[in-house]
Amino acid sequence: MPAKDAALEILVAGQVQGVGYRYFAKLQADRLGLNGYVTNLSDGRVKVVVGGSPVLLEAFQDALRQGPPRSQVERLEITPLQEPILPQGFVVRFERS
């Protein structure tokens, strides 16, 4: 990850499982050229770990706040990450954390 890039862990709360939220997040990340992954959590939230330029990360967060049509996003909990290990591209993980 280039030095000017940033990385975030984003926990998304609300009606975000069973509504295509992970695929929506992947579509948005791919559109913006971000690296990372998205997965469901056992408590009903969705976890996103993502890296890229701060400007693109802001646009991604705006998209996550909207979500796909059937979702209802209550809040995003955003934590900056130091030197995360990210996949090349953006992937949907199917295991529950």
PDB file of N, CA and C in Angstrom:
ATOM      1  N   MET A   1       0.861  -1.177   0.000  1.00  0.00           N
ATOM      2  CA  MET A   1       0.000   0.000   0.000  1.00  0.00           C
ATOM      3  C   MET A   1       0.903   1.235   0.000  1.00  0.00           C
ATOM      4  N   PRO A   2       0.760   2.138  -0.980  1.00  0.00           N
ATOM      5  CA  PRO A   2       1.581   3.343  -1.018  1.00  0.00           C
ATOM      6  C   PRO A   2       1.442   4.167   0.262  1.00  0.00           C
ATOM      7  N   ALA A   3       2.489   4.917   0.599  1.00  0.00           N
ATOM      8  CA  ALA A   3       2.533   5.670   1.856  1.00  0.00           C
ATOM      9  C   ALA A   3       1.373   6.646   2.009  1.00  0.00           C
ATOM     10  N   LYS A   4       0.894   7.237   0.924  1.00  0.00           N
ATOM     11  CA  LYS A   4      -0.175   8.221   1.033  1.00  0.00           C
ATOM     12  C   LYS A   4      -1.548   7.575   1.229  1.00  0.00           C
ATOM     13  N   ASP A   5      -1.638   6.283   1.030  1.00  0.00           N
ATOM     14  CA  ASP A   5      -2.907   5.596   1.207  1.00  0.00           C
ATOM     15  C   ASP A   5      -3.208   5.386   2.687  1.00  0.00           C
ATOM     16  N   ALA A   6      -4.462   5.134   2.966  1.00  0.00           N
ATOM     17  CA  ALA A   6      -4.925   4.868   4.327  1.00  0.00           C
ATOM     18  C   ALA A   6      -5.695   3.559   4.314  1.00  0.00           C
ATOM     19  N   ALA A   7      -5.944   3.022   5.509  1.00  0.00           N
ATOM     20  CA  ALA A   7      -6.729   1.802   5.642  1.00  0.00           C
ATOM     21  C   ALA A   7      -7.680   1.957   6.821  1.00  0.00           C
ATOM     22  N   LEU A   8      -8.852   1.361   6.673  1.00  0.00           N
ATOM     23  CA  LEU A   8      -9.897   1.472   7.680  1.00  0.00           C
ATOM     24  C   LEU A   8     -10.545   0.125   7.941  1.00  0.00           C
ATOM     25  N   GLU A   9     -10.988  -0.066   9.170  1.00  0.00           N
ATOM     26  CA  GLU A   9     -11.944  -1.118   9.486  1.00  0.00           C
ATOM     27  C   GLU A   9     -13.273  -0.407   9.699  1.00  0.00           C
ATOM     28  N   ILE A  10     -14.289  -0.863   8.991  1.00  0.00           N
ATOM     29  CA  ILE A  10     -15.612  -0.243   9.085  1.00  0.00           C
ATOM     30  C   ILE A  10     -16.602  -1.321   9.499  1.00  0.00           C
ATOM     31  N   LEU A  11     -17.268  -1.114  10.630  1.00  0.00           N
ATOM     32  CA  LEU A  11     -18.331  -2.006  11.088  1.00  0.00           C
ATOM     33  C   LEU A  11     -19.648  -1.323  10.778  1.00  0.00           C
ATOM     34  N   VAL A  12     -20.489  -2.015  10.015  1.00  0.00           N
ATOM     35  CA  VAL A  12     -21.751  -1.445   9.551  1.00  0.00           C
ATOM     36  C   VAL A  12     -22.887  -2.110  10.316  1.00  0.00           C
ATOM     37  N   ALA A  13     -23.678  -1.296  11.011  1.00  0.00           N
ATOM     38  CA  ALA A  13     -24.794  -1.809  11.808  1.00  0.00           C
ATOM     39  C   ALA A  13     -26.118  -1.413  11.169  1.00  0.00           C
ATOM     40  N   GLY A  14     -27.121  -2.238  11.397  1.00  0.00           N
ATOM     41  CA  GLY A  14     -28.464  -1.992  10.875  1.00  0.00           C
ATOM     42  C   GLY A  14     -28.980  -3.254  10.199  1.00  0.00           C
ATOM     43  N   GLN A  15     -29.893  -3.090   9.263  1.00  0.00           N
ATOM     44  CA  GLN A  15     -30.397  -4.217   8.466  1.00  0.00           C
ATOM     45  C   GLN A  15     -29.454  -4.367   7.272  1.00  0.00           C
ATOM     46  N   VAL A  16     -28.343  -5.096   7.502  1.00  0.00           N
ATOM     47  CA  VAL A  16     -27.292  -5.164   6.492  1.00  0.00           C
ATOM     48  C   VAL A  16     -26.906  -6.598   6.116  1.00  0.00           C
ATOM     49  N   GLN A  17     -27.603  -7.585   6.662  1.00  0.00           N
ATOM     50  CA  GLN A  17     -27.379  -8.967   6.240  1.00  0.00           C
ATOM     51  C   GLN A  17     -28.637  -9.477   5.560  1.00  0.00           C
ATOM     52  N   GLY A  18     -28.439 -10.276   4.515  1.00  0.00           N
ATOM     53  CA  GLY A  18     -29.567 -10.828   3.771  1.00  0.00           C
ATOM     54  C   GLY A  18     -30.186  -9.839   2.793  1.00  0.00           C
ATOM     55  N   VAL A  19     -29.477  -8.748   2.515  1.00  0.00           N
ATOM     56  CA  VAL A  19     -30.020  -7.720   1.610  1.00  0.00           C
ATOM     57  C   VAL A  19     -29.042  -7.384   0.483  1.00  0.00           C
ATOM     58  N   GLY A  20     -27.986  -8.182   0.311  1.00  0.00           N
ATOM     59  CA  GLY A  20     -27.000  -7.935  -0.735  1.00  0.00           C
ATOM     60  C   GLY A  20     -25.961  -6.882  -0.385  1.00  0.00           C
ATOM     61  N   TYR A  21     -25.797  -6.621   0.903  1.00  0.00           N
ATOM     62  CA  TYR A  21     -24.898  -5.548   1.311  1.00  0.00           C
ATOM     63  C   TYR A  21     -23.435  -5.839   0.957  1.00  0.00           C
ATOM     64  N   ARG A  22     -22.981  -7.085   1.165  1.00  0.00           N
ATOM     65  CA  ARG A  22     -21.587  -7.405   0.860  1.00  0.00           C
ATOM     66  C   ARG A  22     -21.292  -7.205  -0.627  1.00  0.00           C
ATOM     67  N   TYR A  23     -22.224  -7.607  -1.473  1.00  0.00           N
ATOM     68  CA  TYR A  23     -22.010  -7.463  -2.920  1.00  0.00           C
ATOM     69  C   TYR A  23     -22.081  -6.001  -3.335  1.00  0.00           C
ATOM     70  N   PHE A  24     -22.929  -5.241  -2.673  1.00  0.00           N
ATOM     71  CA  PHE A  24     -22.983  -3.793  -2.897  1.00  0.00           C
ATOM     72  C   PHE A  24     -21.642  -3.163  -2.531  1.00  0.00           C
ATOM     73  N   ALA A  25     -21.083  -3.554  -1.369  1.00  0.00           N
ATOM     74  CA  ALA A  25     -19.792  -3.020  -0.940  1.00  0.00           C
ATOM     75  C   ALA A  25     -18.705  -3.378  -1.943  1.00  0.00           C
ATOM     76  N   LYS A  26     -18.716  -4.612  -2.441  1.00  0.00           N
ATOM     77  CA  LYS A  26     -17.724  -5.025  -3.444  1.00  0.00           C
ATOM     78  C   LYS A  26     -17.863  -4.209  -4.712  1.00  0.00           C
ATOM     79  N   LEU A  27     -19.065  -4.007  -5.181  1.00  0.00           N
ATOM     80  CA  LEU A  27     -19.301  -3.218  -6.394  1.00  0.00           C
ATOM     81  C   LEU A  27     -18.738  -1.808  -6.227  1.00  0.00           C
ATOM     82  N   GLN A  28     -19.007  -1.194  -5.072  1.00  0.00           N
ATOM     83  CA  GLN A  28     -18.528   0.166  -4.824  1.00  0.00           C
ATOM     84  C   GLN A  28     -17.004   0.199  -4.725  1.00  0.00           C
ATOM     85  N   ALA A  29     -16.421  -0.771  -4.017  1.00  0.00           N
ATOM     86  CA  ALA A  29     -14.963  -0.822  -3.878  1.00  0.00           C
ATOM     87  C   ALA A  29     -14.293  -1.045  -5.233  1.00  0.00           C
ATOM     88  N   ASP A  30     -14.850  -1.946  -6.031  1.00  0.00           N
ATOM     89  CA  ASP A  30     -14.291  -2.205  -7.367  1.00  0.00           C
ATOM     90  C   ASP A  30     -14.374  -0.947  -8.229  1.00  0.00           C
ATOM     91  N   ARG A  31     -15.494  -0.252  -8.156  1.00  0.00           N
ATOM     92  CA  ARG A  31     -15.696   0.978  -8.934  1.00  0.00           C
ATOM     93  C   ARG A  31     -14.643   2.026  -8.565  1.00  0.00           C
ATOM     94  N   LEU A  32     -14.269   2.068  -7.289  1.00  0.00           N
ATOM     95  CA  LEU A  32     -13.313   3.059  -6.801  1.00  0.00           C
ATOM     96  C   LEU A  32     -11.861   2.560  -6.826  1.00  0.00           C
ATOM     97  N   GLY A  33     -11.656   1.293  -7.151  1.00  0.00           N
ATOM     98  CA  GLY A  33     -10.304   0.740  -7.203  1.00  0.00           C
ATOM     99  C   GLY A  33      -9.673   0.524  -5.843  1.00  0.00           C
ATOM    100  N   LEU A  34     -10.484   0.169  -4.847  1.00  0.00           N
ATOM    101  CA  LEU A  34      -9.998  -0.047  -3.482  1.00  0.00           C
ATOM    102  C   LEU A  34      -9.648  -1.511  -3.257  1.00  0.00           C
ATOM    103  N   ASN A  35      -8.776  -1.775  -2.296  1.00  0.00           N
ATOM    104  CA  ASN A  35      -8.397  -3.132  -1.896  1.00  0.00           C
ATOM    105  C   ASN A  35      -9.008  -3.448  -0.542  1.00  0.00           C
ATOM    106  N   GLY A  36      -9.325  -4.718  -0.318  1.00  0.00           N
ATOM    107  CA  GLY A  36      -9.819  -5.114   0.992  1.00  0.00           C
ATOM    108  C   GLY A  36     -10.796  -6.263   0.912  1.00  0.00           C
ATOM    109  N   TYR A  37     -11.636  -6.357   1.935  1.00  0.00           N
ATOM    110  CA  TYR A  37     -12.624  -7.429   1.978  1.00  0.00           C
ATOM    111  C   TYR A  37     -13.832  -7.003   2.807  1.00  0.00           C
ATOM    112  N   VAL A  38     -14.907  -7.765   2.645  1.00  0.00           N
ATOM    113  CA  VAL A  38     -16.140  -7.563   3.396  1.00  0.00           C
ATOM    114  C   VAL A  38     -16.637  -8.928   3.861  1.00  0.00           C
ATOM    115  N   THR A  39     -17.171  -8.988   5.080  1.00  0.00           N
ATOM    116  CA  THR A  39     -17.685 -10.241   5.619  1.00  0.00           C
ATOM    117  C   THR A  39     -18.817  -9.952   6.607  1.00  0.00           C
ATOM    118  N   ASN A  40     -19.695 -10.921   6.793  1.00  0.00           N
ATOM    119  CA  ASN A  40     -20.740 -10.813   7.810  1.00  0.00           C
ATOM    120  C   ASN A  40     -20.158 -11.164   9.176  1.00  0.00           C
ATOM    121  N   LEU A  41     -20.671 -10.516  10.214  1.00  0.00           N
ATOM    122  CA  LEU A  41     -20.316 -10.862  11.592  1.00  0.00           C
ATOM    123  C   LEU A  41     -21.490 -11.596  12.224  1.00  0.00           C
ATOM    124  N   SER A  42     -21.197 -12.426  13.200  1.00  0.00           N
ATOM    125  CA  SER A  42     -22.250 -13.223  13.836  1.00  0.00           C
ATOM    126  C   SER A  42     -23.250 -12.365  14.615  1.00  0.00           C
ATOM    127  N   ASP A  43     -22.901 -11.118  14.929  1.00  0.00           N
ATOM    128  CA  ASP A  43     -23.822 -10.250  15.667  1.00  0.00           C
ATOM    129  C   ASP A  43     -24.756  -9.445  14.754  1.00  0.00           C
ATOM    130  N   GLY A  44     -24.730  -9.724  13.454  1.00  0.00           N
ATOM    131  CA  GLY A  44     -25.637  -9.056  12.519  1.00  0.00           C
ATOM    132  C   GLY A  44     -25.026  -7.872  11.790  1.00  0.00           C
ATOM    133  N   ARG A  45     -23.814  -7.473  12.186  1.00  0.00           N
ATOM    134  CA  ARG A  45     -23.146  -6.377  11.489  1.00  0.00           C
ATOM    135  C   ARG A  45     -22.352  -6.917  10.301  1.00  0.00           C
ATOM    136  N   VAL A  46     -21.885  -6.011   9.470  1.00  0.00           N
ATOM    137  CA  VAL A  46     -20.987  -6.335   8.372  1.00  0.00           C
ATOM    138  C   VAL A  46     -19.658  -5.651   8.660  1.00  0.00           C
ATOM    139  N   LYS A  47     -18.572  -6.388   8.456  1.00  0.00           N
ATOM    140  CA  LYS A  47     -17.229  -5.842   8.668  1.00  0.00           C
ATOM    141  C   LYS A  47     -16.572  -5.618   7.312  1.00  0.00           C
ATOM    142  N   VAL A  48     -16.005  -4.418   7.145  1.00  0.00           N
ATOM    143  CA  VAL A  48     -15.278  -4.066   5.934  1.00  0.00           C
ATOM    144  C   VAL A  48     -13.874  -3.642   6.347  1.00  0.00           C
ATOM    145  N   VAL A  49     -12.870  -4.201   5.712  1.00  0.00           N
ATOM    146  CA  VAL A  49     -11.496  -3.743   5.865  1.00  0.00           C
ATOM    147  C   VAL A  49     -11.075  -3.274   4.481  1.00  0.00           C
ATOM    148  N   VAL A  50     -10.659  -2.005   4.391  1.00  0.00           N
ATOM    149  CA  VAL A  50     -10.455  -1.406   3.072  1.00  0.00           C
ATOM    150  C   VAL A  50      -9.278  -0.444   3.096  1.00  0.00           C
ATOM    151  N   GLY A  51      -8.562  -0.382   1.975  1.00  0.00           N
ATOM    152  CA  GLY A  51      -7.443   0.533   1.850  1.00  0.00           C
ATOM    153  C   GLY A  51      -7.470   1.249   0.517  1.00  0.00           C
ATOM    154  N   GLY A  52      -6.970   2.477   0.526  1.00  0.00           N
ATOM    155  CA  GLY A  52      -6.900   3.275  -0.693  1.00  0.00           C
ATOM    156  C   GLY A  52      -6.645   4.724  -0.334  1.00  0.00           C
ATOM    157  N   SER A  53      -6.780   5.597  -1.305  1.00  0.00           N
ATOM    158  CA  SER A  53      -6.546   7.019  -1.043  1.00  0.00           C
ATOM    159  C   SER A  53      -7.650   7.569  -0.144  1.00  0.00           C
ATOM    160  N   PRO A  54      -7.319   8.535   0.707  1.00  0.00           N
ATOM    161  CA  PRO A  54      -8.331   9.114   1.603  1.00  0.00           C
ATOM    162  C   PRO A  54      -9.558   9.649   0.875  1.00  0.00           C
ATOM    163  N   VAL A  55      -9.373  10.247  -0.282  1.00  0.00           N
ATOM    164  CA  VAL A  55     -10.518  10.786  -1.043  1.00  0.00           C
ATOM    165  C   VAL A  55     -11.447   9.661  -1.480  1.00  0.00           C
ATOM    166  N   LEU A  56     -10.868   8.567  -1.981  1.00  0.00           N
ATOM    167  CA  LEU A  56     -11.687   7.432  -2.412  1.00  0.00           C
ATOM    168  C   LEU A  56     -12.333   6.726  -1.226  1.00  0.00           C
ATOM    169  N   LEU A  57     -11.628   6.674  -0.097  1.00  0.00           N
ATOM    170  CA  LEU A  57     -12.221   6.068   1.103  1.00  0.00           C
ATOM    171  C   LEU A  57     -13.421   6.876   1.584  1.00  0.00           C
ATOM    172  N   GLU A  58     -13.377   8.188   1.463  1.00  0.00           N
ATOM    173  CA  GLU A  58     -14.532   9.025   1.830  1.00  0.00           C
ATOM    174  C   GLU A  58     -15.728   8.704   0.936  1.00  0.00           C
ATOM    175  N   ALA A  59     -15.485   8.590  -0.364  1.00  0.00           N
ATOM    176  CA  ALA A  59     -16.558   8.259  -1.303  1.00  0.00           C
ATOM    177  C   ALA A  59     -17.136   6.880  -0.985  1.00  0.00           C
ATOM    178  N   PHE A  60     -16.269   5.942  -0.622  1.00  0.00           N
ATOM    179  CA  PHE A  60     -16.709   4.593  -0.269  1.00  0.00           C
ATOM    180  C   PHE A  60     -17.581   4.622   0.981  1.00  0.00           C
ATOM    181  N   GLN A  61     -17.165   5.378   1.990  1.00  0.00           N
ATOM    182  CA  GLN A  61     -17.961   5.495   3.215  1.00  0.00           C
ATOM    183  C   GLN A  61     -19.339   6.087   2.917  1.00  0.00           C
ATOM    184  N   ASP A  62     -19.395   7.086   2.049  1.00  0.00           N
ATOM    185  CA  ASP A  62     -20.687   7.666   1.667  1.00  0.00           C
ATOM    186  C   ASP A  62     -21.590   6.609   1.046  1.00  0.00           C
ATOM    187  N   ALA A  63     -21.017   5.768   0.173  1.00  0.00           N
ATOM    188  CA  ALA A  63     -21.797   4.697  -0.453  1.00  0.00           C
ATOM    189  C   ALA A  63     -22.262   3.689   0.585  1.00  0.00           C
ATOM    190  N   LEU A  64     -21.372   3.327   1.534  1.00  0.00           N
ATOM    191  CA  LEU A  64     -21.754   2.363   2.570  1.00  0.00           C
ATOM    192  C   LEU A  64     -22.881   2.900   3.439  1.00  0.00           C
ATOM    193  N   ARG A  65     -22.895   4.196   3.684  1.00  0.00           N
ATOM    194  CA  ARG A  65     -23.979   4.783   4.490  1.00  0.00           C
ATOM    195  C   ARG A  65     -25.332   4.645   3.773  1.00  0.00           C
ATOM    196  N   GLN A  66     -25.315   4.694   2.458  1.00  0.00           N
ATOM    197  CA  GLN A  66     -26.550   4.537   1.676  1.00  0.00           C
ATOM    198  C   GLN A  66     -26.961   3.071   1.597  1.00  0.00           C
ATOM    199  N   GLY A  67     -26.019   2.206   1.249  1.00  0.00           N
ATOM    200  CA  GLY A  67     -26.291   0.780   1.125  1.00  0.00           C
ATOM    201  C   GLY A  67     -27.181   0.463  -0.061  1.00  0.00           C
ATOM    202  N   PRO A  68     -27.428  -0.831  -0.301  1.00  0.00           N
ATOM    203  CA  PRO A  68     -28.322  -1.243  -1.378  1.00  0.00           C
ATOM    204  C   PRO A  68     -29.777  -0.946  -0.989  1.00  0.00           C
ATOM    205  N   PRO A  69     -30.688  -1.015  -1.950  1.00  0.00           N
ATOM    206  CA  PRO A  69     -32.081  -0.610  -1.704  1.00  0.00           C
ATOM    207  C   PRO A  69     -32.779  -1.243  -0.502  1.00  0.00           C
ATOM    208  N   ARG A  70     -32.558  -2.529  -0.221  1.00  0.00           N
ATOM    209  CA  ARG A  70     -33.290  -3.182   0.878  1.00  0.00           C
ATOM    210  C   ARG A  70     -32.611  -3.033   2.236  1.00  0.00           C
ATOM    211  N   SER A  71     -31.458  -2.390   2.278  1.00  0.00           N
ATOM    212  CA  SER A  71     -30.745  -2.245   3.552  1.00  0.00           C
ATOM    213  C   SER A  71     -31.235  -1.018   4.313  1.00  0.00           C
ATOM    214  N   GLN A  72     -30.959  -1.023   5.608  1.00  0.00           N
ATOM    215  CA  GLN A  72     -31.194   0.144   6.461  1.00  0.00           C
ATOM    216  C   GLN A  72     -29.968   0.293   7.345  1.00  0.00           C
ATOM    217  N   VAL A  73     -29.075   1.190   6.945  1.00  0.00           N
ATOM    218  CA  VAL A  73     -27.834   1.398   7.672  1.00  0.00           C
ATOM    219  C   VAL A  73     -28.097   2.328   8.846  1.00  0.00           C
ATOM    220  N   GLU A  74     -27.807   1.852  10.048  1.00  0.00           N
ATOM    221  CA  GLU A  74     -27.971   2.673  11.256  1.00  0.00           C
ATOM    222  C   GLU A  74     -26.720   3.488  11.557  1.00  0.00           C
ATOM    223  N   ARG A  75     -25.552   2.853  11.417  1.00  0.00           N
ATOM    224  CA  ARG A  75     -24.316   3.583  11.714  1.00  0.00           C
ATOM    225  C   ARG A  75     -23.107   2.838  11.163  1.00  0.00           C
ATOM    226  N   LEU A  76     -22.034   3.599  10.978  1.00  0.00           N
ATOM    227  CA  LEU A  76     -20.727   3.055  10.640  1.00  0.00           C
ATOM    228  C   LEU A  76     -19.794   3.332  11.810  1.00  0.00           C
ATOM    229  N   GLU A  77     -19.079   2.321  12.243  1.00  0.00           N
ATOM    230  CA  GLU A  77     -18.038   2.487  13.256  1.00  0.00           C
ATOM    231  C   GLU A  77     -16.712   2.359  12.518  1.00  0.00           C
ATOM    232  N   ILE A  78     -15.963   3.454  12.448  1.00  0.00           N
ATOM    233  CA  ILE A  78     -14.765   3.512  11.611  1.00  0.00           C
ATOM    234  C   ILE A  78     -13.519   3.598  12.478  1.00  0.00           C
ATOM    235  N   THR A  79     -12.577   2.683  12.227  1.00  0.00           N
ATOM    236  CA  THR A  79     -11.317   2.643  12.958  1.00  0.00           C
ATOM    237  C   THR A  79     -10.167   2.654  11.958  1.00  0.00           C
ATOM    238  N   PRO A  80      -9.256   3.627  12.046  1.00  0.00           N
ATOM    239  CA  PRO A  80      -8.066   3.608  11.187  1.00  0.00           C
ATOM    240  C   PRO A  80      -7.187   2.404  11.526  1.00  0.00           C
ATOM    241  N   LEU A  81      -6.573   1.828  10.517  1.00  0.00           N
ATOM    242  CA  LEU A  81      -5.692   0.679  10.696  1.00  0.00           C
ATOM    243  C   LEU A  81      -4.261   1.058  10.315  1.00  0.00           C
ATOM    244  N   GLN A  82      -3.311   0.502  11.019  1.00  0.00           N
ATOM    245  CA  GLN A  82      -1.893   0.696  10.715  1.00  0.00           C
ATOM    246  C   GLN A  82      -1.356  -0.552  10.026  1.00  0.00           C
ATOM    247  N   GLU A  83      -0.855  -0.407   8.832  1.00  0.00           N
ATOM    248  CA  GLU A  83      -0.202  -1.477   8.076  1.00  0.00           C
ATOM    249  C   GLU A  83      -1.004  -2.782   8.024  1.00  0.00           C
ATOM    250  N   PRO A  84      -2.240  -2.725   7.556  1.00  0.00           N
ATOM    251  CA  PRO A  84      -3.017  -3.962   7.443  1.00  0.00           C
ATOM    252  C   PRO A  84      -2.518  -4.803   6.268  1.00  0.00           C
ATOM    253  N   ILE A  85      -2.815  -6.071   6.312  1.00  0.00           N
ATOM    254  CA  ILE A  85      -2.534  -6.947   5.176  1.00  0.00           C
ATOM    255  C   ILE A  85      -3.834  -7.049   4.386  1.00  0.00           C
ATOM    256  N   LEU A  86      -3.823  -6.486   3.183  1.00  0.00           N
ATOM    257  CA  LEU A  86      -5.019  -6.447   2.351  1.00  0.00           C
ATOM    258  C   LEU A  86      -4.814  -7.285   1.094  1.00  0.00           C
ATOM    259  N   PRO A  87      -5.871  -7.930   0.619  1.00  0.00           N
ATOM    260  CA  PRO A  87      -5.755  -8.636  -0.655  1.00  0.00           C
ATOM    261  C   PRO A  87      -5.640  -7.633  -1.802  1.00  0.00           C
ATOM    262  N   GLN A  88      -5.125  -8.083  -2.923  1.00  0.00           N
ATOM    263  CA  GLN A  88      -5.150  -7.258  -4.125  1.00  0.00           C
ATOM    264  C   GLN A  88      -6.579  -7.290  -4.659  1.00  0.00           C
ATOM    265  N   GLY A  89      -7.181  -6.141  -4.850  1.00  0.00           N
ATOM    266  CA  GLY A  89      -8.579  -6.087  -5.239  1.00  0.00           C
ATOM    267  C   GLY A  89      -9.464  -6.122  -3.992  1.00  0.00           C
ATOM    268  N   PHE A  90     -10.723  -6.398  -4.194  1.00  0.00           N
ATOM    269  CA  PHE A  90     -11.688  -6.406  -3.086  1.00  0.00           C
ATOM    270  C   PHE A  90     -12.485  -7.699  -3.165  1.00  0.00           C
ATOM    271  N   VAL A  91     -12.562  -8.421  -2.049  1.00  0.00           N
ATOM    272  CA  VAL A  91     -13.194  -9.739  -2.058  1.00  0.00           C
ATOM    273  C   VAL A  91     -14.324  -9.821  -1.010  1.00  0.00           C
ATOM    274  N   VAL A  92     -15.271 -10.697  -1.307  1.00  0.00           N
ATOM    275  CA  VAL A  92     -16.340 -11.040  -0.371  1.00  0.00           C
ATOM    276  C   VAL A  92     -15.918 -12.313   0.341  1.00  0.00           C
ATOM    277  N   ARG A  93     -15.864 -12.243   1.643  1.00  0.00           N
ATOM    278  CA  ARG A  93     -15.552 -13.431   2.451  1.00  0.00           C
ATOM    279  C   ARG A  93     -16.864 -14.019   2.950  1.00  0.00           C
ATOM    280  N   PHE A  94     -16.937 -15.341   2.950  1.00  0.00           N
ATOM    281  CA  PHE A  94     -18.184 -16.015   3.298  1.00  0.00           C
ATOM    282  C   PHE A  94     -18.225 -16.574   4.700  1.00  0.00           C
ATOM    283  N   GLU A  95     -17.086 -16.640   5.378  1.00  0.00           N
ATOM    284  CA  GLU A  95     -17.104 -17.137   6.753  1.00  0.00           C
ATOM    285  C   GLU A  95     -17.662 -16.043   7.666  1.00  0.00           C
ATOM    286  N   ARG A  96     -18.301 -16.428   8.737  1.00  0.00           N
ATOM    287  CA  ARG A  96     -18.790 -15.462   9.725  1.00  0.00           C
ATOM    288  C   ARG A  96     -17.729 -15.284  10.783  1.00  0.00           C
ATOM    289  N   SER A  97     -17.426 -14.045  11.073  1.00  0.00           N
ATOM    290  CA  SER A  97     -16.434 -13.748  12.120  1.00  0.00           C
ATOM    291  C   SER A  97     -17.119 -13.538  13.440  1.00  0.00           C
TER     292      SER A  97
END
